Amino acid sequence: NLDDDPLRLLRAYRFAATHDFTVTPDTAAAIQARAPALARVAGERVHYELLQLLAAPRAAPVLRDLDRVGLLTQIFPELLDMKGVAQDGYHHLNVFEHSLEAVAQLEAVLAAPERFLRDLAEEIRRQAVQPGWAAVLKVAALFHDIGKPQVQERRLRPARYTFYHHERVGGEIFQRAARRLRFSQAQIKTVSRLITWHMRPFLLLPLFKQGELTRRALGRLVKDAGPELAGGFALALADSRAGQGPQKPADADARLAALADRAWSF
């Protein structure tokens, strides 16, 4: 059956996500041996199965299973560049592992937004039940740092890694991957905006913490997010919670949530 239609390699894990199944070890081994065959499947068919998988409330563990059998990087070979790319500061995981953890943290935010937010929680809950919204947001979480390997630099004073403009580079990388998998223009626009915008809240946090964030700066943040404001802050919170490095302030997540509520009520 797997040989007759290689899309079934991915469909097995889609069923695992949507029906809470477990892929048995012998089936996983058979899938791993045939993983390269997925490249023969039309992009639109892969796209459909992938978004069905990501729409499941607990897709993050299944993404890890996809990676173990070699399917995740068959779908998105762009992710290979993130593996083993070191980070420091706010981060405790490499870029690839951080991105998978961001998907898991995003699912936690979507499942119970009231645990993290006040004013914005209701809007996230409303959007989370809209068909396709959560799946597209998880694609953004998976790709939000895809540009980091291309821009990584090691600074000596102070000793740390930098990733300047990775969000812009990441948006361009995602667009190429999305066209290959026949994402719709609306999906490409949404994910690209989320990737390129996702650092904006973090850049404003110091001013917000000091009470020096102007209405003009906050207005630009809201305007640039556009209709993705709720999803953008859900992604930012997931990104923040996925980073537990030694330089991360203890109140960073709470400050970000407060900024999200302030922006939503702007």
Protein backbone atom coordinates (compact mmCIF):
# COMPACT_ATOMS: atom_id res chain seq x y z
CA ASN A 1 0.00 0.00 0.00
CA LEU A 2 2.79 2.45 0.83
CA ASP A 3 4.51 1.69 -2.46
CA ASP A 4 1.29 2.08 -4.44
CA ASP A 5 0.83 5.68 -3.24
CA PRO A 6 3.68 7.33 -1.32
CA LEU A 7 1.29 9.97 0.02
CA ARG A 8 0.22 7.26 2.46
CA LEU A 9 3.58 7.72 4.18
CA LEU A 10 2.37 11.12 5.35
CA ARG A 11 -1.26 10.10 5.71
CA ALA A 12 -0.34 7.57 8.38
CA TYR A 13 0.90 10.43 10.57
CA ARG A 14 -2.05 12.60 9.65
CA PHE A 15 -4.30 9.87 11.06
CA ALA A 16 -2.06 9.68 14.13
CA ALA A 17 -2.64 13.40 14.74
CA THR A 18 -6.34 13.61 13.94
CA HIS A 19 -7.44 10.30 15.50
CA ASP A 20 -4.94 10.04 18.36
CA PHE A 21 -3.39 6.92 16.83
CA THR A 22 0.12 5.62 17.35
CA VAL A 23 2.19 4.49 14.38
CA THR A 24 3.62 1.09 15.27
CA PRO A 25 7.40 0.58 15.13
CA ASP A 26 7.24 -1.76 12.13
CA THR A 27 5.09 0.68 10.18
CA ALA A 28 7.38 3.57 11.14
CA ALA A 29 10.38 1.55 9.91
CA ALA A 30 8.63 0.84 6.62
CA ILE A 31 7.80 4.54 6.23
CA GLN A 32 11.36 5.60 7.03
CA ALA A 33 12.73 3.24 4.38
CA ARG A 34 10.41 4.79 1.78
CA ALA A 35 10.57 8.45 2.89
CA PRO A 36 12.35 9.69 -0.28
CA ALA A 37 9.39 8.48 -2.34
CA LEU A 38 7.28 11.33 -0.96
CA ALA A 39 9.17 13.66 -3.32
CA ARG A 40 7.25 12.06 -6.21
CA VAL A 41 3.88 13.19 -4.83
CA ALA A 42 2.24 16.33 -6.21
CA GLY A 43 2.67 19.37 -3.97
CA GLU A 44 -1.05 20.05 -3.63
CA ARG A 45 -1.66 16.53 -2.26
CA VAL A 46 1.11 16.90 0.32
CA HIS A 47 -0.24 20.35 1.21
CA TYR A 48 -3.71 18.95 1.94
CA GLU A 49 -2.46 16.15 4.22
CA LEU A 50 -0.03 18.45 6.01
CA LEU A 51 -2.65 21.06 6.88
CA GLN A 52 -5.08 18.39 8.00
CA LEU A 53 -2.36 17.09 10.31
CA LEU A 54 -1.51 20.55 11.66
CA ALA A 55 -5.16 21.33 12.32
CA ALA A 56 -5.20 18.67 15.04
CA PRO A 57 -4.92 20.12 18.57
CA ARG A 58 -1.79 18.07 19.37
CA ALA A 59 0.14 18.02 16.12
CA ALA A 60 3.50 18.97 17.67
CA PRO A 61 4.42 15.44 18.88
CA VAL A 62 3.54 14.09 15.45
CA LEU A 63 5.87 16.60 13.81
CA ARG A 64 8.67 15.12 15.89
CA ASP A 65 7.66 11.66 14.69
CA LEU A 66 7.73 12.92 11.11
CA ASP A 67 11.26 14.16 11.70
CA ARG A 68 12.39 10.83 13.15
CA VAL A 69 11.34 8.94 10.02
CA GLY A 70 12.71 11.58 7.65
CA LEU A 71 9.40 12.85 6.32
CA LEU A 72 9.47 16.36 7.78
CA THR A 73 12.54 17.36 5.81
CA GLN A 74 11.20 15.59 2.74
CA ILE A 75 8.24 17.95 2.92
CA PHE A 76 10.34 20.97 3.88
CA PRO A 77 14.01 20.40 3.00
CA GLU A 78 14.57 24.02 4.06
CA LEU A 79 14.37 22.86 7.69
CA LEU A 80 17.60 20.88 7.34
CA ASP A 81 19.62 24.08 7.58
CA MET A 82 18.24 24.77 11.06
CA LYS A 83 19.45 21.51 12.58
CA GLY A 84 22.32 21.98 14.99
CA VAL A 85 22.43 25.78 14.61
CA ALA A 86 23.37 27.03 18.07
CA GLN A 87 21.69 29.89 19.94
CA ASP A 88 22.29 31.48 23.31
CA GLY A 89 20.91 34.30 25.42
CA TYR A 90 17.15 33.75 25.64
CA HIS A 91 17.44 30.30 24.08
CA HIS A 92 18.29 26.89 25.48
CA LEU A 93 17.66 24.90 22.28
CA ASN A 94 19.19 24.99 18.83
CA VAL A 95 17.17 26.65 16.06
CA PHE A 96 15.48 23.48 14.81
CA GLU A 97 14.53 22.15 18.25
CA HIS A 98 13.35 25.60 19.29
CA SER A 99 11.04 25.76 16.26
CA LEU A 100 9.46 22.41 17.09
CA GLU A 101 9.04 23.53 20.71
CA ALA A 102 7.43 26.77 19.48
CA VAL A 103 4.74 24.69 17.73
CA ALA A 104 4.10 22.80 20.97
CA GLN A 105 3.89 26.02 22.98
CA LEU A 106 1.58 27.54 20.37
CA GLU A 107 -0.77 24.60 20.80
CA ALA A 108 -0.81 25.28 24.54
CA VAL A 109 -1.70 28.94 23.92
CA LEU A 110 -4.46 28.04 21.45
CA ALA A 111 -5.92 25.40 23.77
CA ALA A 112 -6.27 27.78 26.74
CA PRO A 113 -5.50 31.40 25.78
CA GLU A 114 -7.03 32.67 29.01
CA ARG A 115 -4.08 31.16 30.88
CA PHE A 116 -1.76 33.64 29.20
CA LEU A 117 -3.85 36.65 28.14
CA ARG A 118 -6.81 38.74 29.22
CA ASP A 119 -8.36 40.99 26.56
CA LEU A 120 -6.89 39.09 23.60
CA ALA A 121 -7.80 35.61 24.84
CA GLU A 122 -11.38 35.70 23.56
CA GLU A 123 -10.27 36.76 20.08
CA ILE A 124 -7.69 33.97 19.88
CA ARG A 125 -10.29 31.46 20.99
CA ARG A 126 -12.69 32.76 18.35
CA GLN A 127 -10.14 32.55 15.57
CA ALA A 128 -8.83 29.16 16.68
CA VAL A 129 -12.09 27.48 15.64
CA GLN A 130 -12.03 29.02 12.17
CA PRO A 131 -11.16 26.36 9.54
CA GLY A 132 -7.47 26.37 8.68
CA TRP A 133 -6.43 29.21 11.01
CA ALA A 134 -4.58 27.13 13.60
CA ALA A 135 -2.85 25.03 10.95
CA VAL A 136 -1.52 28.09 9.12
CA LEU A 137 -0.37 29.59 12.41
CA LYS A 138 1.56 26.40 13.20
CA VAL A 139 3.29 26.62 9.81
CA ALA A 140 4.41 30.11 10.82
CA ALA A 141 5.71 28.76 14.15
CA LEU A 142 7.65 26.04 12.36
CA PHE A 143 9.19 28.56 9.95
CA HIS A 144 9.51 31.66 12.12
CA ASP A 145 13.30 31.23 12.55
CA ILE A 146 14.05 29.60 9.19
CA GLY A 147 16.21 32.59 8.22
CA LYS A 148 18.59 32.27 11.17
CA PRO A 149 21.13 29.88 9.63
CA GLN A 150 21.77 32.31 6.77
CA VAL A 151 22.44 35.32 8.99
CA GLN A 152 24.07 33.79 12.06
CA GLU A 153 27.16 35.62 13.31
CA ARG A 154 29.32 35.11 16.37
CA ARG A 155 30.17 38.31 18.24
CA LEU A 156 33.09 38.34 20.65
CA ARG A 157 32.22 41.34 22.86
CA PRO A 158 29.98 40.34 24.44
CA ALA A 159 30.29 36.72 23.33
CA ARG A 160 26.97 35.79 21.74
CA TYR A 161 25.27 34.77 18.51
CA THR A 162 23.34 37.34 16.49
CA PHE A 163 20.69 36.80 13.83
CA TYR A 164 19.99 40.25 12.45
CA HIS A 165 17.17 40.45 9.88
CA HIS A 166 16.44 36.72 10.09
CA GLU A 167 12.71 37.47 9.95
CA ARG A 168 13.00 39.13 6.55
CA VAL A 169 15.18 36.34 5.15
CA GLY A 170 12.82 33.78 6.68
CA GLY A 171 9.80 35.24 4.94
CA GLU A 172 11.53 34.86 1.57
CA ILE A 173 12.56 31.26 2.28
CA PHE A 174 9.03 30.34 3.32
CA GLN A 175 7.51 31.80 0.17
CA ARG A 176 9.67 29.57 -2.01
CA ALA A 177 8.68 26.48 0.01
CA ALA A 178 5.02 27.47 -0.01
CA ARG A 179 4.88 27.86 -3.77
CA ARG A 180 6.38 24.39 -4.20
CA LEU A 181 3.64 22.91 -2.00
CA ARG A 182 0.88 24.93 -3.66
CA PHE A 183 -0.10 27.03 -0.66
CA SER A 184 -2.80 29.52 -1.58
CA GLN A 185 -1.89 33.16 -2.04
CA ALA A 186 -3.87 34.01 1.11
CA GLN A 187 -1.95 31.41 3.14
CA ILE A 188 1.40 32.64 1.81
CA LYS A 189 0.51 36.23 2.65
CA THR A 190 -0.59 35.34 6.19
CA VAL A 191 2.42 33.19 7.07
CA SER A 192 4.88 35.60 5.47
CA ARG A 193 3.44 38.50 7.46
CA LEU A 194 3.62 36.50 10.69
CA ILE A 195 7.25 35.52 10.07
CA THR A 196 8.42 39.02 9.18
CA TRP A 197 6.45 40.61 12.08
CA HIS A 198 7.24 38.13 14.85
CA MET A 199 10.23 40.02 16.27
CA ARG A 200 8.45 43.36 16.53
CA PRO A 201 6.89 42.81 19.98
CA PHE A 202 10.25 41.73 21.43
CA LEU A 203 11.95 44.87 20.13
CA LEU A 204 9.34 47.03 21.88
CA LEU A 205 9.37 45.18 25.20
CA PRO A 206 12.18 47.24 26.83
CA LEU A 207 10.32 50.50 26.16
CA PHE A 208 7.04 48.96 27.30
CA LYS A 209 8.62 47.72 30.52
CA GLN A 210 10.01 51.18 31.27
CA GLY A 211 6.67 52.86 30.52
CA GLU A 212 8.20 54.71 27.55
CA LEU A 213 6.36 53.04 24.66
CA THR A 214 4.63 55.80 22.70
CA ARG A 215 1.16 55.53 21.19
CA ARG A 216 2.74 56.15 17.81
CA ALA A 217 5.07 53.16 18.13
CA LEU A 218 2.26 50.97 19.42
CA GLY A 219 0.05 52.12 16.56
CA ARG A 220 2.69 51.14 14.00
CA LEU A 221 2.96 47.70 15.60
CA VAL A 222 -0.79 47.19 15.34
CA LYS A 223 -1.02 48.58 11.82
CA ASP A 224 1.81 46.42 10.51
CA ALA A 225 0.27 43.28 12.02
CA GLY A 226 -3.04 44.00 10.32
CA PRO A 227 -5.54 41.13 10.56
CA GLU A 228 -2.79 38.89 12.00
CA LEU A 229 -2.52 40.79 15.29
CA ALA A 230 -4.10 38.04 17.40
CA GLY A 231 -2.20 35.27 15.65
CA GLY A 232 1.00 37.28 15.75
CA PHE A 233 0.89 37.65 19.51
CA ALA A 234 -0.07 33.98 19.95
CA LEU A 235 3.04 33.15 17.92
CA ALA A 236 5.19 35.62 19.89
CA LEU A 237 4.08 34.08 23.18
CA ALA A 238 4.84 30.61 21.87
CA ASP A 239 8.24 31.80 20.68
CA SER A 240 8.98 33.33 24.07
CA ARG A 241 7.84 30.28 26.04
CA ALA A 242 9.96 28.04 23.80
CA GLY A 243 13.08 29.95 24.87
CA GLN A 244 14.31 29.33 28.41
CA GLY A 245 17.90 30.50 28.15
CA PRO A 246 19.92 31.95 31.04
CA GLN A 247 19.53 35.57 29.92
CA LYS A 248 15.74 35.49 29.67
CA PRO A 249 14.13 37.71 32.35
CA ALA A 250 11.79 35.90 34.70
CA ASP A 251 8.92 38.23 33.80
CA ALA A 252 9.45 38.16 30.01
CA ASP A 253 6.35 36.09 29.19
CA ALA A 254 4.13 38.15 31.47
CA ARG A 255 5.43 41.43 29.99
CA LEU A 256 4.80 40.15 26.48
CA ALA A 257 1.26 39.13 27.41
CA ALA A 258 0.63 42.59 28.88
CA LEU A 259 1.90 44.20 25.67
CA ALA A 260 -0.40 41.94 23.66
CA ASP A 261 -3.43 43.03 25.67
CA ARG A 262 -2.39 46.69 25.37
CA ALA A 263 -2.03 46.37 21.59
CA TRP A 264 -5.39 44.64 21.25
CA SER A 265 -7.16 47.41 23.17
CA PHE A 266 -5.32 50.18 21.26
